[in-house]
């Protein structure tokens, strides 16, 4: 059981990191234009590339998890991504996260422990 928990936490970290990189990528993208310069900017957006790399890593690890563990246990554990997202919001994007959001995430995580047990 511990193995699936650890692997899913790593997978959630990769997924959250991909989303953080994607947010940085889209902040650098101007309005959509059907011009070569727009597509050239997309192809040289390193945040977009990093986002893709982390998403691929998360997907490969998720495939391994799905192949080797019960879906009914593995899938609910992906709720750990919410924790990484909240910390990214605070420490990377300097957002204020209200106590009600923390309570909501805490309830979700507590629910995953009931599922795993």
N, C-alpha and C. Protein backbone atom coordinates (compact mmCIF):
# COMPACT_ATOMS: atom_id res chain seq x y z
N UNK A 1 0.83 -1.20 0.00
CA UNK A 1 0.00 0.00 0.00
C UNK A 1 0.87 1.25 0.00
N UNK A 2 1.95 1.21 0.78
CA UNK A 2 2.82 2.37 0.86
C UNK A 2 3.43 2.72 -0.50
N UNK A 3 3.72 1.70 -1.29
CA UNK A 3 4.31 1.92 -2.61
C UNK A 3 3.38 2.72 -3.52
N UNK A 4 2.11 2.38 -3.55
CA UNK A 4 1.17 3.11 -4.39
C UNK A 4 1.00 4.54 -3.90
N UNK A 5 1.04 4.74 -2.60
CA UNK A 5 0.91 6.09 -2.05
C UNK A 5 2.11 6.94 -2.48
N UNK A 6 3.32 6.40 -2.30
CA UNK A 6 4.52 7.15 -2.67
C UNK A 6 4.56 7.45 -4.16
N UNK A 7 4.27 6.44 -4.98
CA UNK A 7 4.28 6.64 -6.43
C UNK A 7 3.24 7.67 -6.86
N UNK A 8 2.08 7.64 -6.25
CA UNK A 8 1.03 8.59 -6.61
C UNK A 8 1.39 10.00 -6.16
N UNK A 9 2.04 10.14 -5.03
CA UNK A 9 2.49 11.46 -4.60
C UNK A 9 3.52 12.02 -5.58
N UNK A 10 4.43 11.18 -6.02
CA UNK A 10 5.42 11.62 -7.03
C UNK A 10 4.71 12.00 -8.33
N UNK A 11 3.75 11.19 -8.74
CA UNK A 11 3.00 11.47 -9.97
C UNK A 11 2.23 12.79 -9.83
N UNK A 12 1.66 13.03 -8.68
CA UNK A 12 0.93 14.28 -8.44
C UNK A 12 1.88 15.47 -8.45
N UNK A 13 3.08 15.28 -7.92
CA UNK A 13 4.08 16.35 -7.95
C UNK A 13 4.45 16.69 -9.39
N UNK A 14 4.68 15.67 -10.22
CA UNK A 14 4.97 15.91 -11.64
C UNK A 14 3.81 16.65 -12.31
N UNK A 15 2.60 16.22 -12.01
CA UNK A 15 1.42 16.84 -12.61
C UNK A 15 1.27 18.30 -12.18
N UNK A 16 1.45 18.56 -10.91
CA UNK A 16 1.34 19.94 -10.42
C UNK A 16 2.46 20.81 -10.99
N UNK A 17 3.66 20.25 -11.09
CA UNK A 17 4.77 21.00 -11.68
C UNK A 17 4.48 21.33 -13.14
N UNK A 18 3.88 20.39 -13.86
CA UNK A 18 3.49 20.65 -15.25
C UNK A 18 2.50 21.81 -15.33
N UNK A 19 1.57 21.86 -14.39
CA UNK A 19 0.57 22.93 -14.41
C UNK A 19 1.19 24.28 -14.05
N UNK A 20 2.14 24.29 -13.14
CA UNK A 20 2.84 25.53 -12.79
C UNK A 20 3.60 26.04 -14.01
N UNK A 21 4.34 25.15 -14.66
CA UNK A 21 5.07 25.54 -15.87
C UNK A 21 4.11 26.01 -16.96
N UNK A 22 2.97 25.36 -17.08
CA UNK A 22 1.99 25.76 -18.09
C UNK A 22 1.45 27.15 -17.81
N UNK A 23 1.23 27.46 -16.53
CA UNK A 23 0.76 28.81 -16.18
C UNK A 23 1.80 29.85 -16.59
N UNK A 24 3.08 29.57 -16.30
CA UNK A 24 4.13 30.49 -16.75
C UNK A 24 4.14 30.61 -18.28
N UNK A 25 3.92 29.48 -18.96
CA UNK A 25 3.93 29.48 -20.43
C UNK A 25 2.81 30.34 -20.99
N UNK A 26 1.60 30.17 -20.49
CA UNK A 26 0.48 30.93 -21.05
C UNK A 26 0.55 32.41 -20.71
N UNK A 27 1.25 32.75 -19.62
CA UNK A 27 1.43 34.15 -19.30
C UNK A 27 2.33 34.84 -20.31
N UNK A 28 3.20 34.07 -20.96
CA UNK A 28 4.10 34.64 -21.96
C UNK A 28 3.47 34.69 -23.35
N UNK A 29 2.33 34.04 -23.53
CA UNK A 29 1.70 33.97 -24.85
C UNK A 29 0.80 35.18 -25.05
N UNK A 30 1.00 35.84 -26.18
CA UNK A 30 0.13 36.95 -26.53
C UNK A 30 -1.19 36.43 -27.08
N UNK A 31 -1.96 37.35 -27.59
CA UNK A 31 -3.23 36.99 -28.22
C UNK A 31 -2.97 36.02 -29.38
N UNK A 32 -3.88 35.09 -29.57
CA UNK A 32 -3.73 34.12 -30.66
C UNK A 32 -3.82 34.84 -32.00
N UNK A 33 -2.78 34.61 -32.80
CA UNK A 33 -2.74 35.17 -34.15
C UNK A 33 -2.36 34.04 -35.09
N UNK A 34 -2.91 34.06 -36.26
CA UNK A 34 -2.59 33.04 -37.23
C UNK A 34 -1.42 33.52 -38.08
N UNK A 35 -0.32 33.80 -37.39
CA UNK A 35 0.89 34.27 -38.05
C UNK A 35 2.06 33.40 -37.61
N UNK A 36 3.08 33.36 -38.45
CA UNK A 36 4.24 32.54 -38.14
C UNK A 36 4.89 32.96 -36.83
N UNK A 37 4.93 34.25 -36.55
CA UNK A 37 5.60 34.74 -35.33
C UNK A 37 4.94 34.17 -34.07
N UNK A 38 3.62 34.01 -34.12
CA UNK A 38 2.90 33.44 -32.97
C UNK A 38 3.34 31.99 -32.74
N UNK A 39 3.37 31.19 -33.80
CA UNK A 39 3.75 29.79 -33.67
C UNK A 39 5.23 29.63 -33.35
N UNK A 40 6.03 30.55 -33.85
CA UNK A 40 7.45 30.56 -33.52
C UNK A 40 7.63 30.83 -32.03
N UNK A 41 6.86 31.76 -31.50
CA UNK A 41 6.91 32.04 -30.06
C UNK A 41 6.49 30.83 -29.24
N UNK A 42 5.49 30.10 -29.71
CA UNK A 42 5.05 28.89 -29.00
C UNK A 42 6.16 27.84 -28.98
N UNK A 43 6.81 27.66 -30.12
CA UNK A 43 7.84 26.63 -30.23
C UNK A 43 9.10 26.96 -29.44
N UNK A 44 9.29 28.23 -29.10
CA UNK A 44 10.47 28.62 -28.33
C UNK A 44 10.10 29.00 -26.89
N UNK A 45 8.90 28.66 -26.47
CA UNK A 45 8.47 28.93 -25.11
C UNK A 45 8.95 27.77 -24.24
N UNK A 46 10.03 28.00 -23.50
CA UNK A 46 10.65 26.94 -22.70
C UNK A 46 9.75 26.47 -21.57
N UNK A 47 8.90 27.34 -21.06
CA UNK A 47 7.96 26.92 -20.02
C UNK A 47 6.97 25.91 -20.58
N UNK A 48 6.58 26.10 -21.82
CA UNK A 48 5.66 25.16 -22.46
C UNK A 48 6.33 23.80 -22.65
N UNK A 49 7.60 23.82 -23.04
CA UNK A 49 8.36 22.58 -23.19
C UNK A 49 8.50 21.86 -21.85
N UNK A 50 8.86 22.60 -20.81
CA UNK A 50 8.96 22.00 -19.47
C UNK A 50 7.64 21.41 -19.00
N UNK A 51 6.57 22.13 -19.27
CA UNK A 51 5.25 21.64 -18.92
C UNK A 51 4.98 20.30 -19.59
N UNK A 52 5.30 20.22 -20.86
CA UNK A 52 5.11 18.97 -21.61
C UNK A 52 5.95 17.83 -21.06
N UNK A 53 7.18 18.12 -20.70
CA UNK A 53 8.07 17.09 -20.16
C UNK A 53 7.51 16.55 -18.84
N UNK A 54 7.11 17.44 -17.95
CA UNK A 54 6.55 16.98 -16.67
C UNK A 54 5.23 16.25 -16.86
N UNK A 55 4.44 16.67 -17.83
CA UNK A 55 3.19 15.98 -18.11
C UNK A 55 3.45 14.58 -18.65
N UNK A 56 4.45 14.44 -19.49
CA UNK A 56 4.81 13.11 -20.00
C UNK A 56 5.29 12.22 -18.86
N UNK A 57 6.14 12.75 -17.98
CA UNK A 57 6.61 11.97 -16.83
C UNK A 57 5.44 11.53 -15.95
N UNK A 58 4.51 12.45 -15.69
CA UNK A 58 3.34 12.12 -14.88
C UNK A 58 2.50 11.04 -15.54
N UNK A 59 2.35 11.13 -16.85
CA UNK A 59 1.53 10.17 -17.58
C UNK A 59 2.17 8.79 -17.59
N UNK A 60 3.49 8.73 -17.78
CA UNK A 60 4.18 7.44 -17.77
C UNK A 60 4.06 6.79 -16.39
N UNK A 61 4.29 7.58 -15.35
CA UNK A 61 4.18 7.05 -13.99
C UNK A 61 2.74 6.63 -13.69
N UNK A 62 1.77 7.41 -14.17
CA UNK A 62 0.36 7.06 -13.96
C UNK A 62 0.03 5.74 -14.65
N UNK A 63 0.59 5.53 -15.84
CA UNK A 63 0.38 4.25 -16.54
C UNK A 63 0.90 3.09 -15.72
N UNK A 64 2.08 3.26 -15.13
CA UNK A 64 2.64 2.22 -14.29
C UNK A 64 1.73 1.95 -13.09
N UNK A 65 1.26 3.02 -12.47
CA UNK A 65 0.39 2.89 -11.30
C UNK A 65 -0.88 2.14 -11.68
N UNK A 66 -1.51 2.54 -12.78
CA UNK A 66 -2.75 1.90 -13.21
C UNK A 66 -2.56 0.43 -13.54
N UNK A 67 -1.41 0.10 -14.11
CA UNK A 67 -1.15 -1.29 -14.47
C UNK A 67 -0.95 -2.18 -13.25
N UNK A 68 -0.37 -1.63 -12.20
CA UNK A 68 0.07 -2.45 -11.08
C UNK A 68 -0.75 -2.34 -9.80
N UNK A 69 -1.69 -1.39 -9.75
CA UNK A 69 -2.46 -1.21 -8.53
C UNK A 69 -3.94 -1.06 -8.85
N UNK A 70 -4.77 -1.25 -7.85
CA UNK A 70 -6.21 -1.14 -8.04
C UNK A 70 -6.59 0.31 -8.34
N UNK A 71 -7.43 0.47 -9.34
CA UNK A 71 -7.89 1.80 -9.75
C UNK A 71 -8.65 2.48 -8.62
N UNK A 72 -9.44 1.70 -7.89
CA UNK A 72 -10.26 2.27 -6.82
C UNK A 72 -9.42 2.83 -5.67
N UNK A 73 -8.17 2.44 -5.60
CA UNK A 73 -7.27 3.01 -4.60
C UNK A 73 -6.41 4.10 -5.22
N UNK A 74 -5.87 3.84 -6.40
CA UNK A 74 -4.94 4.78 -7.03
C UNK A 74 -5.60 6.10 -7.41
N UNK A 75 -6.76 6.03 -8.01
CA UNK A 75 -7.37 7.27 -8.51
C UNK A 75 -7.69 8.28 -7.41
N UNK A 76 -8.30 7.86 -6.32
CA UNK A 76 -8.57 8.85 -5.26
C UNK A 76 -7.30 9.49 -4.69
N UNK A 77 -6.18 8.78 -4.75
CA UNK A 77 -4.94 9.33 -4.23
C UNK A 77 -4.43 10.51 -5.05
N UNK A 78 -4.93 10.68 -6.25
CA UNK A 78 -4.50 11.82 -7.06
C UNK A 78 -4.97 13.14 -6.45
N UNK A 79 -5.78 13.08 -5.41
CA UNK A 79 -6.20 14.29 -4.71
C UNK A 79 -5.02 14.99 -4.05
N UNK A 80 -3.91 14.28 -3.88
CA UNK A 80 -2.72 14.92 -3.33
C UNK A 80 -2.24 16.07 -4.21
N UNK A 81 -2.60 16.05 -5.47
CA UNK A 81 -2.22 17.14 -6.37
C UNK A 81 -2.78 18.48 -5.89
N UNK A 82 -3.90 18.45 -5.20
CA UNK A 82 -4.48 19.68 -4.66
C UNK A 82 -3.54 20.34 -3.66
N UNK A 83 -2.87 19.54 -2.85
CA UNK A 83 -1.93 20.09 -1.87
C UNK A 83 -0.79 20.79 -2.59
N UNK A 84 -0.22 20.12 -3.59
CA UNK A 84 0.87 20.74 -4.34
C UNK A 84 0.41 22.01 -5.02
N UNK A 85 -0.81 22.00 -5.53
CA UNK A 85 -1.36 23.19 -6.17
C UNK A 85 -1.51 24.36 -5.21
N UNK A 86 -1.96 24.06 -4.00
CA UNK A 86 -2.12 25.11 -3.00
C UNK A 86 -0.78 25.71 -2.60
N UNK A 87 0.21 24.84 -2.40
CA UNK A 87 1.53 25.35 -2.05
C UNK A 87 2.15 26.15 -3.21
N UNK A 88 1.92 25.71 -4.43
CA UNK A 88 2.41 26.48 -5.58
C UNK A 88 1.75 27.84 -5.64
N UNK A 89 0.46 27.88 -5.38
CA UNK A 89 -0.26 29.16 -5.38
C UNK A 89 0.35 30.13 -4.37
N UNK A 90 0.70 29.61 -3.21
CA UNK A 90 1.25 30.47 -2.14
C UNK A 90 2.70 30.85 -2.42
N UNK A 91 3.54 29.86 -2.66
CA UNK A 91 4.98 30.11 -2.70
C UNK A 91 5.51 30.54 -4.07
N UNK A 92 4.84 30.17 -5.14
CA UNK A 92 5.32 30.53 -6.48
C UNK A 92 4.57 31.73 -7.03
N UNK A 93 3.24 31.73 -6.87
CA UNK A 93 2.43 32.79 -7.46
C UNK A 93 2.01 33.86 -6.46
N UNK A 94 2.46 33.72 -5.21
CA UNK A 94 2.18 34.71 -4.15
C UNK A 94 0.69 35.00 -3.98
N UNK A 95 -0.12 33.96 -4.11
CA UNK A 95 -1.56 34.11 -3.91
C UNK A 95 -1.90 33.91 -2.44
N UNK A 96 -3.00 34.49 -2.06
CA UNK A 96 -3.52 34.28 -0.71
C UNK A 96 -4.55 33.16 -0.79
N UNK A 97 -4.35 32.14 0.00
CA UNK A 97 -5.28 31.00 0.02
C UNK A 97 -6.07 31.07 1.31
N UNK A 98 -7.37 31.18 1.17
CA UNK A 98 -8.24 31.34 2.33
C UNK A 98 -8.32 30.05 3.15
N UNK A 99 -8.71 30.21 4.38
CA UNK A 99 -8.85 29.06 5.28
C UNK A 99 -9.92 28.10 4.78
N UNK A 100 -10.95 28.60 4.13
CA UNK A 100 -12.00 27.70 3.63
C UNK A 100 -11.47 26.80 2.52
N UNK A 101 -10.54 27.30 1.73
CA UNK A 101 -9.93 26.44 0.70
C UNK A 101 -9.08 25.36 1.35
N UNK A 102 -8.34 25.74 2.38
CA UNK A 102 -7.54 24.74 3.09
C UNK A 102 -8.42 23.69 3.75
N UNK A 103 -9.54 24.11 4.30
CA UNK A 103 -10.47 23.15 4.89
C UNK A 103 -10.99 22.20 3.82
N UNK A 104 -11.34 22.73 2.67
CA UNK A 104 -11.83 21.90 1.58
C UNK A 104 -10.81 20.88 1.13
N UNK A 105 -9.57 21.31 0.95
CA UNK A 105 -8.51 20.39 0.55
C UNK A 105 -8.26 19.36 1.65
N UNK A 106 -8.30 19.79 2.90
CA UNK A 106 -8.11 18.86 4.01
C UNK A 106 -9.19 17.79 4.03
N UNK A 107 -10.42 18.17 3.79
CA UNK A 107 -11.51 17.18 3.76
C UNK A 107 -11.31 16.18 2.63
N UNK A 108 -10.84 16.65 1.49
CA UNK A 108 -10.58 15.75 0.37
C UNK A 108 -9.48 14.76 0.74
N UNK A 109 -8.40 15.25 1.34
CA UNK A 109 -7.30 14.38 1.73
C UNK A 109 -7.73 13.39 2.80
N UNK A 110 -8.52 13.84 3.77
CA UNK A 110 -9.03 12.92 4.79
C UNK A 110 -9.88 11.84 4.14
N UNK A 111 -10.66 12.21 3.15
CA UNK A 111 -11.46 11.22 2.42
C UNK A 111 -10.61 10.18 1.73
N UNK A 112 -9.45 10.59 1.20
CA UNK A 112 -8.58 9.61 0.54
C UNK A 112 -8.03 8.60 1.54
N UNK A 113 -7.78 9.02 2.76
CA UNK A 113 -7.30 8.08 3.77
C UNK A 113 -8.36 7.03 4.09
N UNK A 114 -9.65 7.42 4.07
CA UNK A 114 -10.71 6.44 4.30
C UNK A 114 -10.78 5.43 3.15
N UNK A 115 -10.51 5.91 1.96
CA UNK A 115 -10.55 5.02 0.79
C UNK A 115 -9.40 4.03 0.82
N UNK A 116 -8.22 4.51 1.20
CA UNK A 116 -7.03 3.65 1.22
C UNK A 116 -7.08 2.63 2.35
N UNK A 117 -7.69 2.99 3.44
CA UNK A 117 -7.73 2.12 4.60
C UNK A 117 -8.47 0.83 4.38
